[in-house]
Amino acid sequence: MTDFGTAGGAAGQDGFAVIPVLDLRGGRVVRARRGERASYAPIETPLAKGSEPGAIAAGLLLAWPARRLYVADLDAIIDGAAPDLTSLRAIAASCPGLDLWVDAGFSRREGVESFLAEGLGRPVIGSESQTDSALVTSLGEKAVLSLDTRGGERLGPDSLHDDPSLWPRDVITMTLASVGAGTGPDLPALMAVQARAPGSRVYAAGGVRGPQDLRALAEAGLAGALVASALHDGTLRREHAADFA
């Protein structure tokens, strides 16, 4: 077994984490493709029947022994709706003891505090939903920062992308155009982010195709990767998890 827990950088501190992803829309799990959110359709997957969030979450955990799930609430991110607490509760009930990272388009402190009071997970603050760096800096380690890009365009305030001193310890690099595209992660860009903030745990999001991509990310010192399509398509399976324990 390859010991990826001893890889350099932040990954060496806590081991390499594979984090399954659920995208919610209208109370169902949808299939993400290249960040074109308006066209996301209810998911069809061999991991579960239907697209009910709790069932999909349980299916993902059968496919990979994760300790954490990432949930993108697209109604909240796109339309400004309140967080889908019903779906989040269903996911939590089907996966007791699991940590949830939740992006619900948070842009105001009171919205984050209300979410935290529900005890349903850790908020992810997406740069695309921000107008300045105030929310990120005020929350500190309570939250995860997602640095969002699409087709090379940085989404949200330049300050969040440019100034690592503003970042919490856990940082996601979300390349939306690569989500569900099977193009592979942008390793040079990810390594550049990691080099700028050696004290942060940087997680890749978008493009992971299978275990070879995970190995490359771990060996580069990334803390982990967010994955969905590779699990649903079966190119990443539970039998691969031993290499990343």
Protein backbone atom coordinates (compact mmCIF):
# COMPACT_ATOMS: atom_id res chain seq x y z
CA MET A 1 0.00 0.00 0.00
CA THR A 2 1.31 3.45 -0.89
CA ASP A 3 1.42 5.73 2.14
CA PHE A 4 -0.12 8.90 0.75
CA GLY A 5 -0.56 10.14 4.31
CA THR A 6 3.14 11.02 4.27
CA ALA A 7 2.96 13.15 1.13
CA GLY A 8 4.42 16.63 1.37
CA GLY A 9 2.63 19.85 2.21
CA ALA A 10 -0.66 20.05 4.06
CA ALA A 11 -1.70 16.56 2.99
CA GLY A 12 1.07 15.12 5.12
CA GLN A 13 -0.47 16.63 8.24
CA ASP A 14 -3.86 14.95 8.10
CA GLY A 15 -3.75 12.36 5.32
CA PHE A 16 -5.31 12.67 1.88
CA ALA A 17 -9.11 13.07 2.02
CA VAL A 18 -11.46 11.98 -0.75
CA ILE A 19 -14.69 13.95 -0.27
CA PRO A 20 -17.78 12.79 -2.22
CA VAL A 21 -19.99 15.57 -3.59
CA LEU A 22 -23.77 16.00 -3.78
CA ASP A 23 -25.35 18.80 -5.83
CA LEU A 24 -28.89 19.64 -4.68
CA ARG A 25 -31.57 21.23 -6.85
CA GLY A 26 -35.26 21.22 -6.02
CA GLY A 27 -34.79 18.72 -3.20
CA ARG A 28 -33.09 16.15 -5.45
CA VAL A 29 -29.50 15.29 -6.25
CA VAL A 30 -28.51 16.40 -9.76
CA ARG A 31 -25.60 15.46 -12.03
CA ALA A 32 -23.04 18.26 -12.42
CA ARG A 33 -21.56 18.94 -15.86
CA ARG A 34 -18.97 21.64 -16.55
CA GLY A 35 -20.57 24.09 -14.16
CA GLU A 36 -23.60 24.60 -16.46
CA ARG A 37 -25.97 24.56 -13.54
CA ALA A 38 -29.16 25.46 -15.38
CA SER A 39 -28.94 22.19 -17.31
CA TYR A 40 -28.25 19.86 -14.38
CA ALA A 41 -30.77 16.99 -14.36
CA PRO A 42 -31.73 14.59 -11.55
CA ILE A 43 -28.96 12.07 -11.20
CA GLU A 44 -29.13 8.51 -12.47
CA THR A 45 -26.53 6.38 -10.73
CA PRO A 46 -25.88 2.72 -9.99
CA LEU A 47 -25.14 3.73 -6.39
CA ALA A 48 -28.80 4.25 -5.44
CA LYS A 49 -32.37 4.20 -6.72
CA GLY A 50 -33.75 7.59 -7.64
CA SER A 51 -32.24 10.92 -6.69
CA GLU A 52 -33.32 11.36 -3.06
CA PRO A 53 -30.47 13.05 -1.13
CA GLY A 54 -30.30 10.60 1.76
CA ALA A 55 -30.21 7.58 -0.55
CA ILE A 56 -27.51 9.10 -2.76
CA ALA A 57 -25.41 10.03 0.27
CA ALA A 58 -25.63 6.47 1.58
CA GLY A 59 -24.74 5.12 -1.85
CA LEU A 60 -21.67 7.33 -2.06
CA LEU A 61 -20.48 6.02 1.29
CA LEU A 62 -20.84 2.46 0.04
CA ALA A 63 -18.69 3.43 -2.94
CA TRP A 64 -16.05 5.15 -0.82
CA PRO A 65 -15.40 5.07 2.96
CA ALA A 66 -15.45 8.85 3.37
CA ARG A 67 -15.50 10.77 6.63
CA ARG A 68 -16.91 13.91 5.02
CA LEU A 69 -19.39 14.91 2.32
CA TYR A 70 -19.54 18.17 0.39
CA VAL A 71 -23.03 19.47 -0.45
CA ALA A 72 -23.70 22.25 -2.96
CA ASP A 73 -27.20 23.70 -2.51
CA LEU A 74 -27.75 25.09 -6.01
CA ASP A 75 -31.10 26.70 -5.24
CA ALA A 76 -29.37 28.75 -2.57
CA ILE A 77 -26.28 29.48 -4.69
CA ILE A 78 -28.11 30.39 -7.91
CA ASP A 79 -31.44 31.79 -6.72
CA GLY A 80 -30.65 33.02 -3.23
CA ALA A 81 -33.08 30.56 -1.63
CA ALA A 82 -32.77 29.57 2.02
CA PRO A 83 -30.64 26.50 2.67
CA ASP A 84 -32.44 23.23 1.93
CA LEU A 85 -32.53 22.05 5.53
CA THR A 86 -34.89 19.17 4.72
CA SER A 87 -32.39 17.61 2.32
CA LEU A 88 -29.49 18.28 4.66
CA ARG A 89 -31.32 16.59 7.52
CA ALA A 90 -32.04 13.59 5.29
CA ILE A 91 -28.34 13.33 4.39
CA ALA A 92 -27.30 13.63 8.04
CA ALA A 93 -29.83 10.99 9.09
CA SER A 94 -28.63 8.52 6.46
CA CYS A 95 -24.96 9.09 7.32
CA PRO A 96 -24.74 9.52 11.12
CA GLY A 97 -21.44 10.84 12.41
CA LEU A 98 -20.34 12.14 9.02
CA ASP A 99 -19.06 15.68 8.61
CA LEU A 100 -20.86 17.85 6.06
CA TRP A 101 -19.31 20.78 4.23
CA VAL A 102 -22.20 22.86 2.88
CA ASP A 103 -22.12 25.62 0.26
CA ALA A 104 -25.50 27.34 0.35
CA GLY A 105 -24.50 30.60 -1.28
CA PHE A 106 -23.65 32.19 2.06
CA SER A 107 -22.97 35.91 1.74
CA ARG A 108 -24.08 37.37 5.10
CA ARG A 109 -22.93 36.61 8.63
CA GLU A 110 -26.45 36.21 9.99
CA GLY A 111 -27.23 33.56 7.40
CA VAL A 112 -24.13 31.61 8.38
CA GLU A 113 -24.90 31.87 12.08
CA SER A 114 -28.46 30.66 11.48
CA PHE A 115 -27.11 27.68 9.55
CA LEU A 116 -24.54 26.87 12.24
CA ALA A 117 -27.31 26.88 14.84
CA GLU A 118 -28.94 23.97 12.97
CA GLY A 119 -25.90 21.77 13.61
CA LEU A 120 -25.96 20.39 10.07
CA GLY A 121 -22.37 20.95 9.09
CA ARG A 122 -19.61 23.41 8.37
CA PRO A 123 -20.35 26.31 6.01
CA VAL A 124 -18.41 26.67 2.78
CA ILE A 125 -18.00 30.29 1.72
CA GLY A 126 -17.83 30.41 -2.07
CA SER A 127 -15.90 33.34 -3.53
CA GLU A 128 -18.54 33.60 -6.28
CA SER A 129 -21.13 34.61 -3.67
CA GLN A 130 -19.03 37.37 -2.07
CA THR A 131 -18.72 41.08 -2.78
CA ASP A 132 -15.73 41.54 -0.45
CA SER A 133 -13.59 39.56 1.98
CA ALA A 134 -15.45 40.56 5.16
CA LEU A 135 -17.45 37.35 5.68
CA VAL A 136 -14.45 35.09 5.15
CA THR A 137 -12.26 37.02 7.55
CA SER A 138 -14.98 37.33 10.20
CA LEU A 139 -15.67 33.59 10.28
CA GLY A 140 -12.07 32.39 10.38
CA GLU A 141 -11.80 28.66 11.02
CA LYS A 142 -15.56 28.23 11.43
CA ALA A 143 -15.79 28.05 7.64
CA VAL A 144 -14.15 26.60 4.55
CA LEU A 145 -13.24 28.95 1.70
CA SER A 146 -13.96 27.93 -1.89
CA LEU A 147 -11.93 29.83 -4.50
CA ASP A 148 -14.24 29.56 -7.51
CA THR A 149 -13.19 29.86 -11.16
CA ARG A 150 -14.92 29.19 -14.46
CA GLY A 151 -13.05 28.90 -17.75
CA GLY A 152 -10.06 30.74 -16.35
CA GLU A 153 -12.20 33.54 -14.89
CA ARG A 154 -11.84 34.12 -11.18
CA LEU A 155 -15.25 34.49 -9.54
CA GLY A 156 -15.74 36.91 -6.68
CA PRO A 157 -13.45 39.53 -5.18
CA ASP A 158 -9.85 39.61 -6.39
CA SER A 159 -8.73 40.04 -2.79
CA LEU A 160 -9.93 36.56 -1.86
CA HIS A 161 -7.95 35.02 -4.69
CA ASP A 162 -4.86 37.20 -4.28
CA ASP A 163 -4.29 37.40 -0.53
CA PRO A 164 -3.64 34.07 1.25
CA SER A 165 -3.53 35.89 4.60
CA LEU A 166 -7.33 36.11 4.34
CA TRP A 167 -7.79 32.37 3.92
CA PRO A 168 -8.86 29.93 6.64
CA ARG A 169 -6.89 26.74 6.95
CA ASP A 170 -9.20 24.71 4.69
CA VAL A 171 -9.38 26.01 1.11
CA ILE A 172 -11.13 24.45 -1.90
CA THR A 173 -10.03 25.33 -5.42
CA MET A 174 -13.25 24.96 -7.39
CA THR A 175 -12.71 24.82 -11.16
CA LEU A 176 -16.34 24.79 -12.29
CA ALA A 177 -15.62 24.19 -15.98
CA SER A 178 -13.90 20.91 -15.06
CA VAL A 179 -16.73 19.58 -12.88
CA GLY A 180 -18.10 16.40 -14.44
CA ALA A 181 -15.99 16.95 -17.57
CA GLY A 182 -13.47 14.15 -17.07
CA THR A 183 -10.60 16.41 -18.12
CA GLY A 184 -8.37 15.85 -15.11
CA PRO A 185 -7.46 18.34 -12.39
CA ASP A 186 -5.44 21.44 -13.22
CA LEU A 187 -2.39 20.32 -11.29
CA PRO A 188 -0.10 23.32 -11.99
CA ALA A 189 -2.77 25.77 -10.84
CA LEU A 190 -3.47 23.71 -7.71
CA MET A 191 0.21 23.50 -6.85
CA ALA A 192 0.52 27.27 -7.30
CA VAL A 193 -2.27 27.84 -4.78
CA GLN A 194 -0.64 25.36 -2.37
CA ALA A 195 2.74 27.10 -2.71
CA ARG A 196 1.23 30.47 -1.85
CA ALA A 197 -0.30 29.20 1.40
CA PRO A 198 1.85 26.38 2.81
CA GLY A 199 -0.06 26.50 6.10
CA SER A 200 -3.40 25.83 4.41
CA ARG A 201 -5.01 22.52 3.46
CA VAL A 202 -5.86 22.87 -0.21
CA TYR A 203 -8.52 20.61 -1.75
CA ALA A 204 -8.99 20.09 -5.48
CA ALA A 205 -12.50 20.24 -6.94
CA GLY A 206 -13.20 19.43 -10.58
CA GLY A 207 -11.88 16.94 -13.10
CA VAL A 208 -10.83 13.91 -11.04
CA ARG A 209 -11.15 10.83 -13.26
CA GLY A 210 -9.88 8.02 -11.06
CA PRO A 211 -7.14 6.79 -8.71
CA GLN A 212 -4.28 8.01 -10.91
CA ASP A 213 -5.47 11.60 -10.56
CA LEU A 214 -5.80 11.17 -6.80
CA ARG A 215 -2.23 9.86 -6.61
CA ALA A 216 -0.93 12.86 -8.53
CA LEU A 217 -2.76 15.26 -6.23
CA ALA A 218 -1.58 13.50 -3.07
CA GLU A 219 2.02 13.38 -4.26
CA ALA A 220 1.82 17.12 -5.02
CA GLY A 221 0.91 17.80 -1.38
CA LEU A 222 -2.80 18.56 -1.78
CA ALA A 223 -4.93 17.81 1.26
CA GLY A 224 -7.68 16.06 -0.67
CA ALA A 225 -10.10 16.10 -3.57
CA LEU A 226 -13.83 16.56 -4.06
CA VAL A 227 -15.21 13.80 -6.28
CA ALA A 228 -18.59 12.89 -7.77
CA SER A 229 -18.59 11.67 -11.39
CA ALA A 230 -15.74 9.19 -10.90
CA LEU A 231 -17.71 7.50 -8.10
CA HIS A 232 -20.98 7.39 -10.03
CA ASP A 233 -19.22 6.15 -13.17
CA GLY A 234 -17.25 3.50 -11.28
CA THR A 235 -13.76 4.66 -12.27
CA LEU A 236 -13.14 5.30 -8.58
CA ARG A 237 -14.24 2.48 -6.30
CA ARG A 238 -14.04 1.37 -2.70
CA GLU A 239 -11.22 -1.04 -3.52
CA HIS A 240 -9.02 1.96 -4.38
CA ALA A 241 -9.49 3.53 -0.95
CA ALA A 242 -6.78 1.45 0.74
CA ASP A 243 -4.14 3.36 -1.23
CA PHE A 244 -5.28 6.62 0.37
CA ALA A 245 -5.83 5.53 3.98
